[in-house]
N, C-alpha and C. Protein backbone atom coordinates (compact mmCIF):
# COMPACT_ATOMS: atom_id res chain seq x y z
N UNK A 1 -4.92 8.48 -8.10
CA UNK A 1 -4.06 7.35 -8.37
C UNK A 1 -4.21 6.33 -7.26
N UNK A 2 -4.33 5.07 -7.66
CA UNK A 2 -4.42 3.98 -6.70
C UNK A 2 -3.66 2.79 -7.24
N UNK A 3 -2.78 2.25 -6.41
CA UNK A 3 -2.03 1.05 -6.76
C UNK A 3 -2.49 -0.08 -5.86
N UNK A 4 -2.44 -1.31 -6.38
CA UNK A 4 -2.90 -2.46 -5.61
C UNK A 4 -1.93 -3.61 -5.77
N UNK A 5 -1.79 -4.39 -4.70
CA UNK A 5 -0.97 -5.59 -4.73
C UNK A 5 -1.59 -6.60 -3.77
N UNK A 6 -1.56 -7.86 -4.17
CA UNK A 6 -2.02 -8.94 -3.30
C UNK A 6 -0.82 -9.81 -2.96
N UNK A 7 -0.64 -10.04 -1.66
CA UNK A 7 0.52 -10.80 -1.21
C UNK A 7 0.20 -11.43 0.14
N UNK A 8 0.53 -12.70 0.29
CA UNK A 8 0.43 -13.40 1.57
C UNK A 8 -0.99 -13.32 2.16
N UNK A 9 -1.99 -13.54 1.32
CA UNK A 9 -3.41 -13.51 1.71
C UNK A 9 -3.90 -12.15 2.19
N UNK A 10 -3.17 -11.10 1.85
CA UNK A 10 -3.58 -9.74 2.18
C UNK A 10 -3.63 -8.92 0.90
N UNK A 11 -4.44 -7.87 0.92
CA UNK A 11 -4.51 -6.93 -0.20
C UNK A 11 -3.96 -5.60 0.29
N UNK A 12 -3.10 -5.01 -0.51
CA UNK A 12 -2.47 -3.73 -0.18
C UNK A 12 -2.87 -2.70 -1.21
N UNK A 13 -3.22 -1.51 -0.74
CA UNK A 13 -3.55 -0.42 -1.65
C UNK A 13 -2.75 0.81 -1.27
N UNK A 14 -2.21 1.47 -2.29
CA UNK A 14 -1.55 2.76 -2.10
C UNK A 14 -2.44 3.81 -2.75
N UNK A 15 -2.83 4.79 -1.96
CA UNK A 15 -3.72 5.84 -2.43
C UNK A 15 -3.07 7.19 -2.17
N UNK A 16 -2.98 7.99 -3.22
CA UNK A 16 -2.39 9.32 -3.08
C UNK A 16 -3.40 10.28 -2.48
N UNK A 17 -2.97 11.00 -1.46
CA UNK A 17 -3.77 12.08 -0.89
C UNK A 17 -3.32 13.35 -1.59
N UNK A 18 -3.68 14.49 -1.08
CA UNK A 18 -3.19 15.73 -1.67
C UNK A 18 -1.67 15.77 -1.51
N UNK A 19 -0.95 16.43 -2.42
CA UNK A 19 0.52 16.38 -2.39
C UNK A 19 1.14 16.79 -1.06
N UNK A 20 0.51 17.67 -0.34
CA UNK A 20 1.07 18.12 0.93
C UNK A 20 0.99 17.05 2.01
N UNK A 21 0.12 16.07 1.82
CA UNK A 21 -0.08 15.02 2.82
C UNK A 21 0.77 13.81 2.52
N UNK A 22 0.67 13.24 1.32
CA UNK A 22 1.48 12.08 0.95
C UNK A 22 0.65 10.94 0.43
N UNK A 23 1.06 9.71 0.75
CA UNK A 23 0.46 8.49 0.24
C UNK A 23 0.09 7.58 1.40
N UNK A 24 -1.10 7.02 1.31
CA UNK A 24 -1.55 6.07 2.33
C UNK A 24 -1.37 4.65 1.82
N UNK A 25 -0.91 3.79 2.71
CA UNK A 25 -0.88 2.35 2.46
C UNK A 25 -1.97 1.73 3.31
N UNK A 26 -2.95 1.12 2.65
CA UNK A 26 -4.02 0.42 3.35
C UNK A 26 -3.79 -1.08 3.22
N UNK A 27 -4.01 -1.79 4.32
CA UNK A 27 -3.84 -3.24 4.35
C UNK A 27 -5.19 -3.87 4.66
N UNK A 28 -5.61 -4.80 3.79
CA UNK A 28 -6.91 -5.47 3.95
C UNK A 28 -6.71 -6.96 4.16
N UNK A 29 -7.53 -7.53 5.04
CA UNK A 29 -7.47 -8.97 5.26
C UNK A 29 -8.28 -9.70 4.19
N UNK A 30 -8.40 -11.02 4.32
CA UNK A 30 -9.08 -11.83 3.31
C UNK A 30 -10.58 -11.56 3.23
N UNK A 31 -11.14 -10.90 4.25
CA UNK A 31 -12.56 -10.53 4.25
C UNK A 31 -12.77 -9.09 3.78
N UNK A 32 -11.70 -8.48 3.28
CA UNK A 32 -11.71 -7.10 2.79
C UNK A 32 -11.93 -6.07 3.90
N UNK A 33 -11.52 -6.40 5.12
CA UNK A 33 -11.55 -5.45 6.23
C UNK A 33 -10.21 -4.74 6.29
N UNK A 34 -10.24 -3.43 6.38
CA UNK A 34 -8.99 -2.67 6.52
C UNK A 34 -8.45 -2.92 7.93
N UNK A 35 -7.25 -3.48 8.00
CA UNK A 35 -6.68 -3.81 9.29
C UNK A 35 -5.54 -2.88 9.71
N UNK A 36 -5.00 -2.12 8.75
CA UNK A 36 -3.94 -1.15 9.05
C UNK A 36 -3.92 -0.07 7.99
N UNK A 37 -3.46 1.11 8.38
CA UNK A 37 -3.17 2.14 7.39
C UNK A 37 -1.95 2.92 7.86
N UNK A 38 -1.15 3.32 6.90
CA UNK A 38 0.11 4.00 7.18
C UNK A 38 0.25 5.16 6.21
N UNK A 39 0.84 6.24 6.67
CA UNK A 39 1.07 7.42 5.84
C UNK A 39 2.57 7.57 5.59
N UNK A 40 2.92 7.76 4.31
CA UNK A 40 4.30 7.98 3.90
C UNK A 40 4.36 9.22 3.01
N UNK A 41 5.56 9.77 2.83
CA UNK A 41 5.71 11.01 2.07
C UNK A 41 5.62 10.82 0.56
N UNK A 42 6.13 9.70 0.04
CA UNK A 42 6.17 9.50 -1.41
C UNK A 42 5.67 8.10 -1.76
N UNK A 43 5.37 7.91 -3.04
CA UNK A 43 4.96 6.58 -3.52
C UNK A 43 6.08 5.56 -3.30
N UNK A 44 7.30 5.94 -3.62
CA UNK A 44 8.43 5.02 -3.46
C UNK A 44 8.63 4.63 -2.00
N UNK A 45 8.56 5.59 -1.09
CA UNK A 45 8.69 5.27 0.33
C UNK A 45 7.58 4.34 0.80
N UNK A 46 6.39 4.51 0.25
CA UNK A 46 5.26 3.66 0.61
C UNK A 46 5.50 2.23 0.14
N UNK A 47 5.98 2.07 -1.08
CA UNK A 47 6.30 0.73 -1.60
C UNK A 47 7.41 0.09 -0.78
N UNK A 48 8.44 0.85 -0.45
CA UNK A 48 9.55 0.32 0.35
C UNK A 48 9.08 -0.07 1.74
N UNK A 49 8.19 0.72 2.33
CA UNK A 49 7.64 0.40 3.64
C UNK A 49 6.86 -0.92 3.58
N UNK A 50 6.02 -1.08 2.55
CA UNK A 50 5.24 -2.32 2.39
C UNK A 50 6.18 -3.52 2.24
N UNK A 51 7.28 -3.33 1.54
CA UNK A 51 8.25 -4.41 1.38
C UNK A 51 8.91 -4.76 2.71
N UNK A 52 9.37 -3.75 3.43
CA UNK A 52 10.07 -3.98 4.70
C UNK A 52 9.15 -4.56 5.77
N UNK A 53 7.93 -4.07 5.86
CA UNK A 53 7.02 -4.50 6.92
C UNK A 53 6.27 -5.79 6.60
N UNK A 54 5.93 -5.99 5.31
CA UNK A 54 5.07 -7.11 4.95
C UNK A 54 5.65 -8.02 3.87
N UNK A 55 6.79 -7.64 3.29
CA UNK A 55 7.40 -8.45 2.25
C UNK A 55 6.78 -8.30 0.87
N UNK A 56 5.96 -7.27 0.67
CA UNK A 56 5.30 -7.07 -0.62
C UNK A 56 6.36 -6.74 -1.68
N UNK A 57 6.47 -7.58 -2.71
CA UNK A 57 7.49 -7.33 -3.74
C UNK A 57 7.29 -5.96 -4.42
N UNK A 58 8.38 -5.27 -4.65
CA UNK A 58 8.31 -3.93 -5.25
C UNK A 58 7.72 -3.95 -6.65
N UNK A 59 7.89 -5.04 -7.39
CA UNK A 59 7.40 -5.13 -8.77
C UNK A 59 5.94 -5.59 -8.86
N UNK A 60 5.29 -5.85 -7.72
CA UNK A 60 3.96 -6.45 -7.74
C UNK A 60 2.81 -5.44 -7.84
N UNK A 61 3.11 -4.16 -7.81
CA UNK A 61 2.06 -3.14 -7.79
C UNK A 61 1.49 -2.90 -9.19
N UNK A 62 0.16 -2.81 -9.26
CA UNK A 62 -0.51 -2.49 -10.52
C UNK A 62 -1.46 -1.32 -10.27
N UNK A 63 -1.64 -0.51 -11.30
CA UNK A 63 -2.54 0.64 -11.18
C UNK A 63 -3.97 0.18 -11.37
N UNK A 64 -4.83 0.66 -10.51
CA UNK A 64 -6.25 0.30 -10.58
C UNK A 64 -7.02 1.42 -11.21
């Protein structure tokens, strides 16, 4: 499973790892360079983190 959102000239991807690990949030700049990655326990926590840290709207995620 992979979710993607574009916001504020950045691209955000949520990628599920194995269930014991959680979900990664990857942040890409306009040149498609990964500039940050964060690990969260659940998909919802990952979306909320992206909203709190970067302002990514919760409704903006689409499945890739």
